[in-house]
């Protein structure tokens, strides 16, 4: 893919919603020309965007009571899906 990596291709991927592919192209371009601030900016923006679209899961409850509340909420959601499906 190195030989076809261009800013234009990265922009096409972006417009089509393919963030990972655009990121990979910008990464290649960044390695080719580390002094290009426009590419560095796009790479940073895309990295942040991709992190935001894949949030980390909430931490698991620690105490026994928190675990029970967590599991009861989870069970309620499952029961609600079964009724709706």
N, C-alpha and C. Protein backbone atom coordinates (compact mmCIF):
# COMPACT_ATOMS: atom_id res chain seq x y z
N UNK A 1 0.83 -1.20 0.00
CA UNK A 1 0.00 0.00 0.00
C UNK A 1 0.87 1.25 0.00
N UNK A 2 2.12 1.14 0.38
CA UNK A 2 3.00 2.30 0.44
C UNK A 2 3.05 3.06 -0.87
N UNK A 3 3.07 2.34 -1.97
CA UNK A 3 3.21 3.01 -3.27
C UNK A 3 1.97 3.79 -3.69
N UNK A 4 0.80 3.50 -3.13
CA UNK A 4 -0.40 4.25 -3.51
C UNK A 4 -0.87 5.21 -2.42
N UNK A 5 -0.11 5.31 -1.34
CA UNK A 5 -0.48 6.17 -0.22
C UNK A 5 -0.30 7.64 -0.60
N UNK A 6 -1.43 8.36 -0.65
CA UNK A 6 -1.41 9.79 -0.95
C UNK A 6 -2.40 10.50 -0.04
N UNK A 7 -2.25 11.81 0.07
CA UNK A 7 -3.20 12.60 0.86
C UNK A 7 -4.61 12.47 0.27
N UNK A 8 -4.69 12.42 -1.04
CA UNK A 8 -5.99 12.30 -1.71
C UNK A 8 -6.68 10.99 -1.31
N UNK A 9 -5.94 9.91 -1.32
CA UNK A 9 -6.51 8.62 -0.93
C UNK A 9 -6.98 8.66 0.53
N UNK A 10 -6.16 9.26 1.39
CA UNK A 10 -6.54 9.38 2.80
C UNK A 10 -7.83 10.18 2.94
N UNK A 11 -7.96 11.28 2.20
CA UNK A 11 -9.17 12.10 2.25
C UNK A 11 -10.39 11.34 1.75
N UNK A 12 -10.22 10.54 0.72
CA UNK A 12 -11.33 9.72 0.20
C UNK A 12 -11.79 8.75 1.29
N UNK A 13 -10.85 8.09 1.92
CA UNK A 13 -11.22 7.18 3.02
C UNK A 13 -11.96 7.93 4.12
N UNK A 14 -11.47 9.10 4.47
CA UNK A 14 -12.12 9.90 5.52
C UNK A 14 -13.56 10.22 5.15
N UNK A 15 -13.75 10.70 3.92
CA UNK A 15 -15.10 11.08 3.48
C UNK A 15 -16.05 9.90 3.45
N UNK A 16 -15.51 8.71 3.24
CA UNK A 16 -16.34 7.51 3.22
C UNK A 16 -16.51 6.89 4.61
N UNK A 17 -15.84 7.47 5.61
CA UNK A 17 -15.99 6.99 6.97
C UNK A 17 -15.04 5.88 7.37
N UNK A 18 -14.04 5.60 6.54
CA UNK A 18 -13.06 4.56 6.85
C UNK A 18 -11.89 5.18 7.61
N UNK A 19 -12.10 5.40 8.90
CA UNK A 19 -11.11 6.08 9.72
C UNK A 19 -9.81 5.29 9.85
N UNK A 20 -9.91 4.00 10.07
CA UNK A 20 -8.71 3.18 10.24
C UNK A 20 -7.85 3.21 8.99
N UNK A 21 -8.48 3.10 7.82
CA UNK A 21 -7.73 3.10 6.57
C UNK A 21 -7.07 4.46 6.34
N UNK A 22 -7.80 5.53 6.62
CA UNK A 22 -7.24 6.89 6.48
C UNK A 22 -6.07 7.06 7.43
N UNK A 23 -6.22 6.56 8.64
CA UNK A 23 -5.16 6.66 9.63
C UNK A 23 -3.89 5.95 9.14
N UNK A 24 -4.06 4.76 8.58
CA UNK A 24 -2.92 3.99 8.08
C UNK A 24 -2.21 4.74 6.95
N UNK A 25 -2.97 5.37 6.06
CA UNK A 25 -2.37 6.14 4.97
C UNK A 25 -1.59 7.32 5.54
N UNK A 26 -2.20 8.06 6.46
CA UNK A 26 -1.50 9.20 7.07
C UNK A 26 -0.26 8.76 7.82
N UNK A 27 -0.31 7.59 8.40
CA UNK A 27 0.85 7.06 9.12
C UNK A 27 2.01 6.82 8.14
N UNK A 28 1.71 6.24 7.00
CA UNK A 28 2.72 6.01 5.97
C UNK A 28 3.29 7.34 5.49
N UNK A 29 2.39 8.30 5.22
CA UNK A 29 2.82 9.61 4.75
C UNK A 29 3.68 10.32 5.79
N UNK A 30 3.32 10.14 7.05
CA UNK A 30 4.07 10.75 8.14
C UNK A 30 5.49 10.18 8.22
N UNK A 31 5.60 8.88 7.98
CA UNK A 31 6.93 8.26 8.00
C UNK A 31 7.77 8.73 6.82
N UNK A 32 7.12 8.98 5.69
CA UNK A 32 7.82 9.48 4.51
C UNK A 32 8.33 10.90 4.71
N UNK A 33 7.46 11.73 5.33
CA UNK A 33 7.80 13.15 5.51
C UNK A 33 7.39 13.62 6.90
N UNK A 34 8.23 13.34 7.91
CA UNK A 34 7.90 13.71 9.29
C UNK A 34 7.76 15.21 9.53
N UNK A 35 8.27 16.02 8.61
CA UNK A 35 8.20 17.48 8.79
C UNK A 35 6.89 18.09 8.29
N UNK A 36 6.05 17.29 7.65
CA UNK A 36 4.77 17.80 7.12
C UNK A 36 3.78 17.95 8.28
N UNK A 37 3.58 19.19 8.71
CA UNK A 37 2.71 19.45 9.87
C UNK A 37 1.24 19.15 9.60
N UNK A 38 0.82 19.31 8.34
CA UNK A 38 -0.58 19.01 7.99
C UNK A 38 -0.87 17.52 8.21
N UNK A 39 0.05 16.68 7.79
CA UNK A 39 -0.11 15.23 7.97
C UNK A 39 -0.08 14.89 9.46
N UNK A 40 0.83 15.48 10.19
CA UNK A 40 0.92 15.22 11.64
C UNK A 40 -0.38 15.60 12.34
N UNK A 41 -0.95 16.74 11.94
CA UNK A 41 -2.20 17.21 12.54
C UNK A 41 -3.33 16.24 12.25
N UNK A 42 -3.45 15.80 10.99
CA UNK A 42 -4.50 14.85 10.61
C UNK A 42 -4.34 13.53 11.36
N UNK A 43 -3.10 13.08 11.49
CA UNK A 43 -2.82 11.83 12.18
C UNK A 43 -3.26 11.92 13.65
N UNK A 44 -2.94 13.02 14.30
CA UNK A 44 -3.34 13.23 15.70
C UNK A 44 -4.86 13.31 15.83
N UNK A 45 -5.50 14.07 14.93
CA UNK A 45 -6.97 14.20 14.98
C UNK A 45 -7.65 12.86 14.80
N UNK A 46 -7.17 12.09 13.83
CA UNK A 46 -7.76 10.78 13.58
C UNK A 46 -7.55 9.84 14.76
N UNK A 47 -6.37 9.89 15.36
CA UNK A 47 -6.11 9.05 16.53
C UNK A 47 -7.08 9.35 17.65
N UNK A 48 -7.32 10.63 17.90
CA UNK A 48 -8.28 11.02 18.95
C UNK A 48 -9.69 10.59 18.59
N UNK A 49 -10.05 10.76 17.32
CA UNK A 49 -11.39 10.39 16.86
C UNK A 49 -11.61 8.89 17.03
N UNK A 50 -10.62 8.11 16.68
CA UNK A 50 -10.76 6.66 16.78
C UNK A 50 -10.81 6.21 18.24
N UNK A 51 -10.07 6.87 19.12
CA UNK A 51 -10.14 6.56 20.55
C UNK A 51 -11.52 6.87 21.10
N UNK A 52 -12.10 7.98 20.65
CA UNK A 52 -13.42 8.38 21.13
C UNK A 52 -14.50 7.43 20.64
N UNK A 53 -14.32 6.86 19.47
CA UNK A 53 -15.34 5.96 18.94
C UNK A 53 -15.26 4.56 19.53
N UNK A 54 -14.19 4.28 20.28
CA UNK A 54 -14.03 2.99 20.96
C UNK A 54 -13.74 3.23 22.43
N UNK A 55 -14.75 3.72 23.17
CA UNK A 55 -14.50 4.02 24.59
C UNK A 55 -14.20 2.75 25.37
N UNK A 56 -13.41 2.89 26.40
CA UNK A 56 -13.10 1.74 27.24
C UNK A 56 -14.32 1.38 28.09
N UNK A 57 -14.48 0.10 28.39
CA UNK A 57 -15.65 -0.31 29.18
C UNK A 57 -15.56 0.25 30.60
N UNK A 58 -16.71 0.44 31.23
CA UNK A 58 -16.69 0.96 32.60
C UNK A 58 -16.04 -0.06 33.53
N UNK A 59 -15.41 0.43 34.60
CA UNK A 59 -14.77 -0.52 35.53
C UNK A 59 -15.82 -1.39 36.22
N UNK A 60 -15.43 -2.60 36.53
CA UNK A 60 -16.36 -3.50 37.20
C UNK A 60 -16.52 -3.08 38.65
N UNK A 61 -17.72 -3.29 39.22
CA UNK A 61 -17.96 -2.94 40.62
C UNK A 61 -17.05 -3.75 41.53
N UNK A 62 -16.69 -3.14 42.65
CA UNK A 62 -15.75 -3.79 43.56
C UNK A 62 -16.43 -4.49 44.73
N UNK A 63 -17.34 -3.81 45.38
CA UNK A 63 -17.96 -4.41 46.57
C UNK A 63 -19.02 -5.43 46.16
N UNK A 64 -19.39 -6.27 47.12
CA UNK A 64 -20.40 -7.30 46.87
C UNK A 64 -21.73 -6.66 46.46
N UNK A 65 -22.10 -5.59 47.16
CA UNK A 65 -23.36 -4.90 46.86
C UNK A 65 -23.34 -4.29 45.46
N UNK A 66 -22.19 -3.71 45.09
CA UNK A 66 -22.07 -3.12 43.75
C UNK A 66 -22.17 -4.20 42.68
N UNK A 67 -21.57 -5.35 42.95
CA UNK A 67 -21.63 -6.46 41.99
C UNK A 67 -23.07 -6.93 41.82
N UNK A 68 -23.80 -7.02 42.92
CA UNK A 68 -25.21 -7.47 42.86
C UNK A 68 -26.03 -6.47 42.06
N UNK A 69 -25.87 -5.15 42.34
CA UNK A 69 -26.61 -4.13 41.59
C UNK A 69 -26.26 -4.18 40.10
N UNK A 70 -24.97 -4.36 39.80
CA UNK A 70 -24.52 -4.44 38.42
C UNK A 70 -25.17 -5.61 37.70
N UNK A 71 -25.15 -6.79 38.34
CA UNK A 71 -25.72 -7.99 37.72
C UNK A 71 -27.24 -7.90 37.60
N UNK A 72 -27.91 -7.28 38.58
CA UNK A 72 -29.36 -7.11 38.50
C UNK A 72 -29.73 -6.20 37.33
N UNK A 73 -28.95 -5.14 37.15
CA UNK A 73 -29.18 -4.23 36.03
C UNK A 73 -28.96 -4.95 34.69
N UNK A 74 -27.91 -5.74 34.64
CA UNK A 74 -27.59 -6.52 33.46
C UNK A 74 -28.72 -7.49 33.13
N UNK A 75 -29.23 -8.19 34.15
CA UNK A 75 -30.32 -9.14 33.98
C UNK A 75 -31.59 -8.45 33.51
N UNK A 76 -31.87 -7.28 34.06
CA UNK A 76 -33.04 -6.50 33.63
C UNK A 76 -32.93 -6.16 32.15
N UNK A 77 -31.75 -5.76 31.69
CA UNK A 77 -31.54 -5.45 30.27
C UNK A 77 -31.75 -6.67 29.39
N UNK A 78 -31.27 -7.82 29.84
CA UNK A 78 -31.44 -9.05 29.07
C UNK A 78 -32.91 -9.42 28.98
N UNK A 79 -33.61 -9.33 30.09
CA UNK A 79 -35.06 -9.64 30.08
C UNK A 79 -35.82 -8.68 29.16
N UNK A 80 -35.41 -7.41 29.17
CA UNK A 80 -36.07 -6.42 28.30
C UNK A 80 -35.85 -6.73 26.83
N UNK A 81 -34.68 -7.23 26.48
CA UNK A 81 -34.39 -7.59 25.09
C UNK A 81 -35.19 -8.80 24.66
N UNK A 82 -35.34 -9.77 25.59
CA UNK A 82 -36.10 -10.98 25.26
C UNK A 82 -37.57 -10.65 24.99
N UNK A 83 -38.12 -9.72 25.76
CA UNK A 83 -39.52 -9.33 25.58
C UNK A 83 -39.69 -8.59 24.25
N UNK A 84 -38.71 -7.75 23.90
CA UNK A 84 -38.78 -6.96 22.69
C UNK A 84 -38.49 -7.77 21.43
N UNK A 85 -37.76 -8.88 21.56
CA UNK A 85 -37.33 -9.66 20.40
C UNK A 85 -38.24 -10.75 20.10
